[in-house]
Amino acid sequence: LTACQNGDDGAAVGTAATAQRVEIRLAASVGAADDGQLCLGAAEANARTTRSFDATNLQAGDTCYVWAAMVNGSTQAVTDYFKAWTLIADGNGGLSPQQNGNTKLFPATNVLNFYALVGNFGRDTEDQPMVTPETQDLPTEGITHTVLADQTTAGSYYKSDLLYAVKAGQEPISEAVVLPLQQLLCRF
């Protein structure tokens, strides 16, 4: 399954210079929350984050869900481009599709806004995944992240963390787009 095999107008996807498709490649970088609401500055963030104190990458095997919206360069209208792309972390900052061959392509002319979530989402009351790969809209409400009751180990802190990233206005590039993941939860 390849998303957006056609361009914005139905034509084949490619860049103006090469007329070839440009695959979307993503990487992740974990930074400390620094929004003044939960963690006030980098030193305090290091003391309070639920990630391990020196983690700058997701652990190998972590799941990262990514949504993309396309911004029309002419009208500035924003439309869904793909939903809940399920990526797996390699432990070194890299992210790969969970399903082999499930690559995504940049649009021919417009930019993308990327939105990512990493968390302990689990399953709903009907034993369905809280995030449905490839079909779920970007959650604006109604998704449950579970914080473990036992917070005595680094593993519990890590498992209980909730991360997000927003990368707006990304033009097609051949290098990996780095998603700047930030913590939404901190321990006190």
N, C-alpha and C. Protein backbone atom coordinates (compact mmCIF):
# COMPACT_ATOMS: atom_id res chain seq x y z
N LEU A 1 0.86 -1.17 0.00
CA LEU A 1 0.00 0.00 0.00
C LEU A 1 0.89 1.23 0.00
N THR A 2 0.78 2.05 -1.00
CA THR A 2 1.55 3.28 -1.08
C THR A 2 0.59 4.44 -1.10
N ALA A 3 0.78 5.37 -0.19
CA ALA A 3 -0.11 6.51 -0.10
C ALA A 3 0.19 7.51 -1.20
N CYS A 4 -0.83 8.13 -1.70
CA CYS A 4 -0.71 9.25 -2.62
C CYS A 4 0.17 8.93 -3.81
N GLN A 5 -0.24 7.95 -4.57
CA GLN A 5 0.50 7.60 -5.77
C GLN A 5 0.32 8.65 -6.86
N ASN A 6 -0.65 9.50 -6.67
CA ASN A 6 -0.88 10.58 -7.61
C ASN A 6 -0.61 11.90 -6.93
N GLY A 7 -0.33 12.92 -7.73
CA GLY A 7 -0.06 14.24 -7.19
C GLY A 7 -1.32 14.95 -6.77
N ASP A 8 -1.18 16.22 -6.47
CA ASP A 8 -2.27 17.03 -5.97
C ASP A 8 -3.42 17.09 -6.97
N ASP A 9 -3.10 17.03 -8.24
CA ASP A 9 -4.13 17.15 -9.27
C ASP A 9 -4.41 15.82 -9.96
N GLY A 10 -3.88 14.73 -9.42
CA GLY A 10 -4.08 13.42 -10.02
C GLY A 10 -2.95 12.99 -10.92
N ALA A 11 -2.00 13.88 -11.17
CA ALA A 11 -0.86 13.54 -12.01
C ALA A 11 0.16 12.77 -11.18
N ALA A 12 1.10 12.11 -11.84
CA ALA A 12 2.12 11.35 -11.14
C ALA A 12 2.92 12.25 -10.22
N VAL A 13 3.28 11.72 -9.06
CA VAL A 13 4.05 12.48 -8.08
C VAL A 13 5.50 12.57 -8.51
N GLY A 14 6.11 13.71 -8.28
CA GLY A 14 7.53 13.87 -8.55
C GLY A 14 7.95 15.29 -8.24
N THR A 15 9.20 15.56 -8.38
CA THR A 15 9.67 16.93 -8.21
C THR A 15 9.80 17.56 -9.59
N ALA A 16 9.75 18.87 -9.62
CA ALA A 16 9.84 19.55 -10.91
C ALA A 16 11.16 19.24 -11.61
N ALA A 17 12.25 19.13 -10.82
CA ALA A 17 13.56 18.92 -11.41
C ALA A 17 13.75 17.49 -11.92
N THR A 18 13.24 16.51 -11.20
CA THR A 18 13.54 15.13 -11.54
C THR A 18 12.36 14.36 -12.11
N ALA A 19 11.15 14.82 -11.88
CA ALA A 19 9.93 14.14 -12.29
C ALA A 19 9.89 12.71 -11.77
N GLN A 20 10.58 12.47 -10.63
CA GLN A 20 10.54 11.17 -9.97
C GLN A 20 9.90 11.33 -8.60
N ARG A 21 9.34 10.24 -8.12
CA ARG A 21 8.71 10.26 -6.81
C ARG A 21 9.76 10.44 -5.72
N VAL A 22 9.38 11.17 -4.68
CA VAL A 22 10.27 11.40 -3.55
C VAL A 22 9.63 10.74 -2.34
N GLU A 23 10.29 9.70 -1.83
CA GLU A 23 9.78 8.96 -0.68
C GLU A 23 9.93 9.80 0.58
N ILE A 24 8.91 9.74 1.44
CA ILE A 24 8.99 10.40 2.74
C ILE A 24 9.77 9.49 3.67
N ARG A 25 10.85 10.02 4.22
CA ARG A 25 11.64 9.31 5.23
C ARG A 25 11.61 10.15 6.49
N LEU A 26 11.38 9.49 7.63
CA LEU A 26 11.26 10.20 8.90
C LEU A 26 12.26 9.68 9.91
N ALA A 27 12.68 10.55 10.80
CA ALA A 27 13.52 10.22 11.94
C ALA A 27 12.93 10.93 13.15
N ALA A 28 13.33 10.51 14.33
CA ALA A 28 12.81 11.11 15.56
C ALA A 28 13.95 11.57 16.45
N SER A 29 13.72 12.68 17.10
CA SER A 29 14.65 13.19 18.10
C SER A 29 13.84 13.59 19.31
N VAL A 30 14.19 13.07 20.48
CA VAL A 30 13.43 13.34 21.70
C VAL A 30 14.07 14.50 22.42
N GLY A 31 13.28 15.55 22.68
CA GLY A 31 13.75 16.71 23.43
C GLY A 31 12.94 16.86 24.70
N ALA A 32 13.44 17.63 25.62
CA ALA A 32 12.73 17.85 26.88
C ALA A 32 11.65 18.89 26.70
N ALA A 33 10.55 18.73 27.41
CA ALA A 33 9.48 19.73 27.39
C ALA A 33 10.04 21.03 27.93
N ASP A 34 9.75 22.10 27.25
CA ASP A 34 10.30 23.39 27.67
C ASP A 34 9.28 24.48 27.38
N ASP A 35 8.01 24.18 27.69
CA ASP A 35 6.95 25.12 27.36
C ASP A 35 6.54 25.99 28.54
N GLY A 36 7.21 25.84 29.67
CA GLY A 36 6.90 26.65 30.83
C GLY A 36 5.71 26.15 31.62
N GLN A 37 5.03 25.11 31.16
CA GLN A 37 3.84 24.66 31.86
C GLN A 37 4.13 23.52 32.82
N LEU A 38 4.88 22.52 32.36
CA LEU A 38 5.18 21.38 33.22
C LEU A 38 6.64 21.34 33.63
N CYS A 39 7.52 21.57 32.71
CA CYS A 39 8.95 21.54 33.00
C CYS A 39 9.53 22.89 32.65
N LEU A 40 10.12 23.56 33.62
CA LEU A 40 10.58 24.93 33.41
C LEU A 40 12.06 24.97 33.09
N GLY A 41 12.42 24.76 31.84
CA GLY A 41 13.80 24.82 31.43
C GLY A 41 14.46 23.45 31.36
N ALA A 42 15.60 23.39 30.69
CA ALA A 42 16.24 22.11 30.40
C ALA A 42 16.73 21.39 31.66
N ALA A 43 17.32 22.10 32.61
CA ALA A 43 17.84 21.44 33.82
C ALA A 43 16.70 20.80 34.60
N GLU A 44 15.63 21.54 34.80
CA GLU A 44 14.48 20.99 35.52
C GLU A 44 13.82 19.89 34.71
N ALA A 45 13.79 20.05 33.40
CA ALA A 45 13.20 19.01 32.55
C ALA A 45 13.97 17.72 32.69
N ASN A 46 15.31 17.79 32.73
CA ASN A 46 16.11 16.57 32.89
C ASN A 46 15.78 15.88 34.21
N ALA A 47 15.46 16.63 35.23
CA ALA A 47 15.15 16.03 36.52
C ALA A 47 13.73 15.48 36.58
N ARG A 48 12.87 15.90 35.68
CA ARG A 48 11.47 15.54 35.79
C ARG A 48 10.92 14.68 34.65
N THR A 49 11.61 14.59 33.55
CA THR A 49 11.03 13.89 32.41
C THR A 49 10.80 12.43 32.72
N THR A 50 9.82 11.86 32.06
CA THR A 50 9.54 10.46 32.27
C THR A 50 10.37 9.57 31.36
N ARG A 51 11.02 10.12 30.36
CA ARG A 51 12.01 9.37 29.57
C ARG A 51 13.22 9.16 30.48
N SER A 52 14.05 8.21 30.14
CA SER A 52 15.28 8.08 30.93
C SER A 52 16.04 9.40 30.79
N PHE A 53 16.84 9.73 31.76
CA PHE A 53 17.44 11.05 31.84
C PHE A 53 18.29 11.44 30.64
N ASP A 54 18.89 10.46 29.97
CA ASP A 54 19.77 10.78 28.86
C ASP A 54 19.22 10.33 27.51
N ALA A 55 17.95 9.94 27.45
CA ALA A 55 17.39 9.44 26.19
C ALA A 55 17.19 10.58 25.20
N THR A 56 17.73 10.43 24.02
CA THR A 56 17.48 11.38 22.94
C THR A 56 16.82 10.69 21.76
N ASN A 57 16.65 9.38 21.86
CA ASN A 57 16.00 8.60 20.81
C ASN A 57 14.94 7.71 21.41
N LEU A 58 14.00 7.31 20.59
CA LEU A 58 13.05 6.29 21.01
C LEU A 58 13.81 4.97 21.13
N GLN A 59 13.31 4.08 21.94
CA GLN A 59 13.93 2.77 22.06
C GLN A 59 13.56 1.91 20.85
N ALA A 60 14.43 0.98 20.51
CA ALA A 60 14.16 0.06 19.40
C ALA A 60 12.84 -0.66 19.67
N GLY A 61 11.97 -0.66 18.66
CA GLY A 61 10.68 -1.32 18.78
C GLY A 61 9.54 -0.41 19.19
N ASP A 62 9.83 0.82 19.65
CA ASP A 62 8.76 1.76 20.00
C ASP A 62 7.92 2.06 18.76
N THR A 63 6.62 2.27 18.96
CA THR A 63 5.71 2.62 17.87
C THR A 63 5.47 4.11 17.85
N CYS A 64 5.57 4.70 16.68
CA CYS A 64 5.30 6.13 16.46
C CYS A 64 4.22 6.23 15.39
N TYR A 65 3.14 6.92 15.70
CA TYR A 65 2.06 7.13 14.73
C TYR A 65 2.22 8.52 14.14
N VAL A 66 2.15 8.61 12.80
CA VAL A 66 2.35 9.89 12.12
C VAL A 66 1.18 10.17 11.19
N TRP A 67 0.69 11.40 11.27
CA TRP A 67 -0.34 11.90 10.37
C TRP A 67 0.29 13.02 9.55
N ALA A 68 -0.23 13.24 8.36
CA ALA A 68 0.25 14.36 7.54
C ALA A 68 -0.94 15.08 6.93
N ALA A 69 -0.83 16.38 6.87
CA ALA A 69 -1.81 17.22 6.20
C ALA A 69 -1.08 17.98 5.11
N MET A 70 -1.72 18.11 3.95
CA MET A 70 -1.12 18.82 2.83
C MET A 70 -1.65 20.25 2.81
N VAL A 71 -0.73 21.20 2.65
CA VAL A 71 -1.09 22.62 2.57
C VAL A 71 -0.98 23.04 1.12
N ASN A 72 -2.10 23.42 0.53
CA ASN A 72 -2.13 23.87 -0.85
C ASN A 72 -1.39 25.19 -0.95
N GLY A 73 -0.36 25.23 -1.79
CA GLY A 73 0.47 26.43 -1.93
C GLY A 73 -0.28 27.63 -2.46
N SER A 74 -1.33 27.41 -3.23
CA SER A 74 -2.09 28.52 -3.82
C SER A 74 -3.16 29.05 -2.88
N THR A 75 -3.92 28.14 -2.29
CA THR A 75 -5.08 28.55 -1.49
C THR A 75 -4.84 28.48 0.01
N GLN A 76 -3.75 27.82 0.42
CA GLN A 76 -3.44 27.56 1.82
C GLN A 76 -4.45 26.63 2.50
N ALA A 77 -5.31 26.00 1.70
CA ALA A 77 -6.26 25.02 2.24
C ALA A 77 -5.49 23.81 2.74
N VAL A 78 -5.91 23.26 3.87
CA VAL A 78 -5.25 22.11 4.48
C VAL A 78 -6.18 20.90 4.35
N THR A 79 -5.62 19.80 3.82
CA THR A 79 -6.40 18.57 3.67
C THR A 79 -5.57 17.39 4.20
N ASP A 80 -6.27 16.34 4.63
CA ASP A 80 -5.57 15.13 5.06
C ASP A 80 -4.74 14.59 3.92
N TYR A 81 -3.53 14.13 4.24
CA TYR A 81 -2.68 13.52 3.23
C TYR A 81 -2.52 12.03 3.52
N PHE A 82 -2.21 11.67 4.76
CA PHE A 82 -2.30 10.28 5.21
C PHE A 82 -2.59 10.27 6.69
N LYS A 83 -3.11 9.12 7.16
CA LYS A 83 -3.56 8.98 8.54
C LYS A 83 -2.83 7.84 9.24
N ALA A 84 -2.43 8.08 10.47
CA ALA A 84 -1.92 7.07 11.39
C ALA A 84 -0.93 6.10 10.74
N TRP A 85 0.07 6.65 10.05
CA TRP A 85 1.14 5.82 9.49
C TRP A 85 1.90 5.24 10.68
N THR A 86 1.99 3.93 10.74
CA THR A 86 2.60 3.25 11.89
C THR A 86 4.06 2.97 11.59
N LEU A 87 4.93 3.61 12.39
CA LEU A 87 6.36 3.47 12.21
C LEU A 87 6.98 2.85 13.46
N ILE A 88 8.06 2.12 13.27
CA ILE A 88 8.77 1.47 14.37
C ILE A 88 10.16 2.08 14.49
N ALA A 89 10.54 2.44 15.72
CA ALA A 89 11.85 3.04 15.98
C ALA A 89 12.95 1.99 15.95
N ASP A 90 14.14 2.42 15.48
CA ASP A 90 15.28 1.51 15.46
C ASP A 90 16.23 1.70 16.65
N GLY A 91 15.93 2.66 17.52
CA GLY A 91 16.78 2.91 18.68
C GLY A 91 17.88 3.92 18.43
N ASN A 92 18.08 4.31 17.18
CA ASN A 92 19.13 5.27 16.81
C ASN A 92 18.56 6.51 16.14
N GLY A 93 17.28 6.77 16.31
CA GLY A 93 16.65 7.93 15.70
C GLY A 93 15.88 7.63 14.43
N GLY A 94 16.09 6.45 13.85
CA GLY A 94 15.40 6.10 12.62
C GLY A 94 14.02 5.54 12.87
N LEU A 95 13.14 5.74 11.91
CA LEU A 95 11.77 5.22 11.94
C LEU A 95 11.51 4.50 10.62
N SER A 96 10.92 3.31 10.70
CA SER A 96 10.62 2.52 9.50
C SER A 96 9.16 2.09 9.55
N PRO A 97 8.52 1.97 8.38
CA PRO A 97 7.13 1.50 8.37
C PRO A 97 7.00 0.13 9.03
N GLN A 98 5.93 -0.04 9.80
CA GLN A 98 5.67 -1.32 10.45
C GLN A 98 5.45 -2.42 9.40
N GLN A 99 4.76 -2.06 8.33
CA GLN A 99 4.51 -3.00 7.24
C GLN A 99 5.55 -2.76 6.15
N ASN A 100 6.24 -3.82 5.75
CA ASN A 100 7.20 -3.69 4.65
C ASN A 100 6.50 -3.18 3.40
N GLY A 101 7.15 -2.26 2.71
CA GLY A 101 6.59 -1.72 1.48
C GLY A 101 5.56 -0.63 1.67
N ASN A 102 5.23 -0.28 2.91
CA ASN A 102 4.23 0.75 3.17
C ASN A 102 4.90 2.12 3.23
N THR A 103 5.40 2.56 2.08
CA THR A 103 6.06 3.86 2.01
C THR A 103 5.06 4.93 1.65
N LYS A 104 5.41 6.15 1.96
CA LYS A 104 4.59 7.32 1.62
C LYS A 104 5.43 8.23 0.75
N LEU A 105 4.77 9.01 -0.08
CA LEU A 105 5.45 9.91 -1.01
C LEU A 105 5.04 11.35 -0.78
N PHE A 106 6.00 12.25 -0.98
CA PHE A 106 5.67 13.67 -0.91
C PHE A 106 4.76 14.05 -2.06
N PRO A 107 3.89 15.05 -1.88
CA PRO A 107 3.09 15.56 -3.01
C PRO A 107 4.00 16.25 -4.02
N ALA A 108 3.49 16.41 -5.22
CA ALA A 108 4.29 16.98 -6.29
C ALA A 108 4.69 18.44 -6.02
N THR A 109 3.79 19.22 -5.49
CA THR A 109 4.08 20.65 -5.37
C THR A 109 3.82 21.26 -4.01
N ASN A 110 2.98 20.68 -3.21
CA ASN A 110 2.59 21.30 -1.94
C ASN A 110 3.43 20.79 -0.77
N VAL A 111 3.40 21.51 0.34
CA VAL A 111 4.14 21.13 1.54
C VAL A 111 3.26 20.30 2.46
N LEU A 112 3.91 19.61 3.41
CA LEU A 112 3.19 18.79 4.37
C LEU A 112 3.42 19.29 5.79
N ASN A 113 2.39 19.15 6.61
CA ASN A 113 2.52 19.31 8.05
C ASN A 113 2.46 17.91 8.64
N PHE A 114 3.46 17.56 9.44
CA PHE A 114 3.51 16.24 10.09
C PHE A 114 3.11 16.37 11.55
N TYR A 115 2.37 15.38 12.05
CA TYR A 115 1.95 15.31 13.45
C TYR A 115 2.25 13.89 13.92
N ALA A 116 2.93 13.74 15.05
CA ALA A 116 3.31 12.41 15.52
C ALA A 116 2.95 12.23 16.99
N LEU A 117 2.62 10.99 17.36
CA LEU A 117 2.33 10.61 18.74
C LEU A 117 3.05 9.31 19.08
N VAL A 118 3.61 9.27 20.27
CA VAL A 118 4.21 8.06 20.82
C VAL A 118 3.68 7.95 22.24
N GLY A 119 3.08 6.81 22.56
CA GLY A 119 2.54 6.66 23.91
C GLY A 119 2.10 5.24 24.20
N ASN A 120 1.54 5.08 25.37
CA ASN A 120 1.04 3.79 25.85
C ASN A 120 -0.48 3.78 25.62
N PHE A 121 -0.89 3.59 24.37
CA PHE A 121 -2.28 3.76 24.00
C PHE A 121 -3.13 2.52 24.24
N GLY A 122 -2.57 1.35 24.12
CA GLY A 122 -3.30 0.13 24.44
C GLY A 122 -4.53 -0.11 23.56
N ARG A 123 -5.57 -0.67 24.18
CA ARG A 123 -6.77 -1.07 23.45
C ARG A 123 -8.00 -0.46 24.11
N ASP A 124 -9.10 -0.32 23.35
CA ASP A 124 -10.32 0.25 23.90
C ASP A 124 -11.17 -0.83 24.56
N THR A 125 -12.38 -0.46 24.97
CA THR A 125 -13.26 -1.39 25.68
C THR A 125 -13.71 -2.56 24.81
N GLU A 126 -13.64 -2.42 23.51
CA GLU A 126 -14.01 -3.51 22.59
C GLU A 126 -12.77 -4.25 22.10
N ASP A 127 -11.64 -4.08 22.81
CA ASP A 127 -10.36 -4.72 22.50
C ASP A 127 -9.83 -4.36 21.12
N GLN A 128 -10.15 -3.15 20.66
CA GLN A 128 -9.61 -2.62 19.42
C GLN A 128 -8.47 -1.66 19.76
N PRO A 129 -7.46 -1.56 18.88
CA PRO A 129 -6.37 -0.62 19.17
C PRO A 129 -6.90 0.81 19.30
N MET A 130 -6.32 1.57 20.25
CA MET A 130 -6.73 2.97 20.42
C MET A 130 -6.39 3.80 19.19
N VAL A 131 -5.35 3.42 18.47
CA VAL A 131 -4.99 4.09 17.22
C VAL A 131 -5.11 3.04 16.12
N THR A 132 -5.98 3.29 15.16
CA THR A 132 -6.19 2.37 14.05
C THR A 132 -5.28 2.78 12.90
N PRO A 133 -4.26 1.97 12.61
CA PRO A 133 -3.30 2.33 11.55
C PRO A 133 -3.97 2.62 10.22
N GLU A 134 -3.48 3.66 9.57
CA GLU A 134 -3.84 4.04 8.20
C GLU A 134 -5.23 4.63 8.02
N THR A 135 -6.11 4.52 9.00
CA THR A 135 -7.48 5.01 8.80
C THR A 135 -7.93 6.05 9.82
N GLN A 136 -7.33 6.08 11.00
CA GLN A 136 -7.81 6.97 12.05
C GLN A 136 -7.38 8.41 11.81
N ASP A 137 -8.35 9.31 11.98
CA ASP A 137 -8.04 10.74 11.92
C ASP A 137 -7.12 11.11 13.07
N LEU A 138 -6.41 12.20 12.92
CA LEU A 138 -5.57 12.71 14.00
C LEU A 138 -6.47 12.93 15.22
N PRO A 139 -6.14 12.31 16.35
CA PRO A 139 -7.01 12.43 17.51
C PRO A 139 -7.02 13.85 18.05
N THR A 140 -8.21 14.38 18.21
CA THR A 140 -8.36 15.67 18.86
C THR A 140 -9.06 15.48 20.20
N GLU A 141 -9.63 14.30 20.40
CA GLU A 141 -10.23 13.93 21.68
C GLU A 141 -10.48 12.42 21.64
N GLY A 142 -10.68 11.83 22.78
CA GLY A 142 -11.11 10.45 22.85
C GLY A 142 -10.04 9.38 22.75
N ILE A 143 -8.77 9.73 22.82
CA ILE A 143 -7.73 8.71 22.83
C ILE A 143 -7.20 8.59 24.26
N THR A 144 -6.93 7.37 24.69
CA THR A 144 -6.49 7.15 26.06
C THR A 144 -5.03 6.72 26.10
N HIS A 145 -4.26 7.45 26.86
CA HIS A 145 -2.86 7.10 27.14
C HIS A 145 -2.81 6.65 28.59
N THR A 146 -2.18 5.51 28.85
CA THR A 146 -2.15 4.95 30.19
C THR A 146 -0.80 5.22 30.85
N VAL A 147 -0.87 5.80 32.05
CA VAL A 147 0.30 5.97 32.88
C VAL A 147 0.29 4.82 33.88
N LEU A 148 1.39 4.08 33.94
CA LEU A 148 1.46 2.93 34.83
C LEU A 148 1.40 3.36 36.30
N ALA A 149 0.72 2.58 37.12
CA ALA A 149 0.58 2.89 38.55
C ALA A 149 1.92 2.76 39.26
N ASP A 150 2.73 1.80 38.89
CA ASP A 150 4.04 1.59 39.50
C ASP A 150 5.06 2.45 38.77
N GLN A 151 5.53 3.49 39.41
CA GLN A 151 6.51 4.40 38.82
C GLN A 151 7.86 4.29 39.52
N THR A 152 8.20 3.10 40.00
CA THR A 152 9.43 2.92 40.77
C THR A 152 10.62 2.54 39.91
N THR A 153 10.42 2.25 38.63
CA THR A 153 11.54 1.85 37.77
C THR A 153 11.63 2.76 36.56
N ALA A 154 12.83 2.82 35.97
CA ALA A 154 13.02 3.61 34.75
C ALA A 154 12.12 3.08 33.63
N GLY A 155 11.93 1.76 33.58
CA GLY A 155 11.06 1.17 32.56
C GLY A 155 9.62 1.63 32.69
N SER A 156 9.14 1.78 33.93
CA SER A 156 7.78 2.26 34.15
C SER A 156 7.64 3.72 33.73
N TYR A 157 8.67 4.52 34.07
CA TYR A 157 8.66 5.91 33.64
C TYR A 157 8.59 5.99 32.12
N TYR A 158 9.45 5.20 31.48
CA TYR A 158 9.53 5.22 30.02
C TYR A 158 8.21 4.79 29.40
N LYS A 159 7.65 3.69 29.87
CA LYS A 159 6.40 3.16 29.31
C LYS A 159 5.25 4.14 29.50
N SER A 160 5.32 4.97 30.52
CA SER A 160 4.23 5.89 30.84
C SER A 160 4.33 7.23 30.11
N ASP A 161 5.40 7.43 29.35
CA ASP A 161 5.61 8.72 28.71
C ASP A 161 4.69 8.92 27.51
N LEU A 162 4.35 10.14 27.26
CA LEU A 162 3.53 10.54 26.12
C LEU A 162 4.30 11.62 25.37
N LEU A 163 4.59 11.37 24.09
CA LEU A 163 5.36 12.29 23.26
C LEU A 163 4.55 12.75 22.07
N TYR A 164 4.84 13.94 21.60
CA TYR A 164 4.21 14.46 20.39
C TYR A 164 5.23 15.24 19.59
N ALA A 165 4.94 15.41 18.31
CA ALA A 165 5.77 16.27 17.46
C ALA A 165 4.89 16.93 16.42
N VAL A 166 5.25 18.14 16.07
CA VAL A 166 4.63 18.87 14.96
C VAL A 166 5.76 19.41 14.11
N LYS A 167 5.71 19.11 12.84
CA LYS A 167 6.70 19.63 11.88
C LYS A 167 5.89 20.23 10.74
N ALA A 168 5.81 21.55 10.71
CA ALA A 168 4.95 22.23 9.74
C ALA A 168 5.74 22.73 8.54
N GLY A 169 5.06 22.80 7.39
CA GLY A 169 5.62 23.40 6.19
C GLY A 169 6.78 22.66 5.57
N GLN A 170 6.79 21.33 5.67
CA GLN A 170 7.92 20.55 5.15
C GLN A 170 7.81 20.35 3.65
N GLU A 171 8.80 20.84 2.94
CA GLU A 171 8.89 20.63 1.49
C GLU A 171 9.51 19.26 1.23
N PRO A 172 9.30 18.71 0.04
CA PRO A 172 9.92 17.41 -0.28
C PRO A 172 11.45 17.49 -0.20
N ILE A 173 12.04 16.54 0.50
CA ILE A 173 13.49 16.41 0.58
C ILE A 173 13.84 14.92 0.52
N SER A 174 15.05 14.62 0.10
CA SER A 174 15.45 13.22 0.03
C SER A 174 16.00 12.72 1.36
N GLU A 175 16.43 13.63 2.25
CA GLU A 175 16.92 13.23 3.56
C GLU A 175 15.72 12.96 4.48
N ALA A 176 16.00 12.32 5.60
CA ALA A 176 14.95 12.05 6.58
C ALA A 176 14.50 13.37 7.22
N VAL A 177 13.19 13.53 7.35
CA VAL A 177 12.62 14.66 8.07
C VAL A 177 12.64 14.28 9.55
N VAL A 178 13.27 15.10 10.37
CA VAL A 178 13.36 14.81 11.80
C VAL A 178 12.12 15.35 12.50
N LEU A 179 11.43 14.46 13.21
CA LEU A 179 10.27 14.85 14.00
C LEU A 179 10.76 15.20 15.41
N PRO A 180 10.62 16.46 15.82
CA PRO A 180 11.14 16.89 17.13
C PRO A 180 10.16 16.51 18.25
N LEU A 181 10.27 15.29 18.75
CA LEU A 181 9.35 14.81 19.77
C LEU A 181 9.56 15.54 21.09
N GLN A 182 8.47 15.94 21.71
CA GLN A 182 8.49 16.64 22.99
C GLN A 182 7.63 15.87 23.99
N GLN A 183 7.99 15.92 25.26
CA GLN A 183 7.21 15.27 26.28
C GLN A 183 5.98 16.08 26.66
N LEU A 184 4.88 15.38 26.83
CA LEU A 184 3.65 16.00 27.33
C LEU A 184 3.46 15.71 28.81
N LEU A 185 4.19 14.76 29.36
CA LEU A 185 4.07 14.39 30.77
C LEU A 185 5.44 14.51 31.43
N CYS A 186 5.45 14.91 32.68
CA CYS A 186 6.67 14.97 33.46
C CYS A 186 6.38 14.41 34.84
N ARG A 187 7.41 13.84 35.46
CA ARG A 187 7.22 13.35 36.83
C ARG A 187 7.65 14.44 37.81
N PHE A 188 7.04 14.42 38.97
CA PHE A 188 7.36 15.41 40.00
C PHE A 188 7.89 14.74 41.23
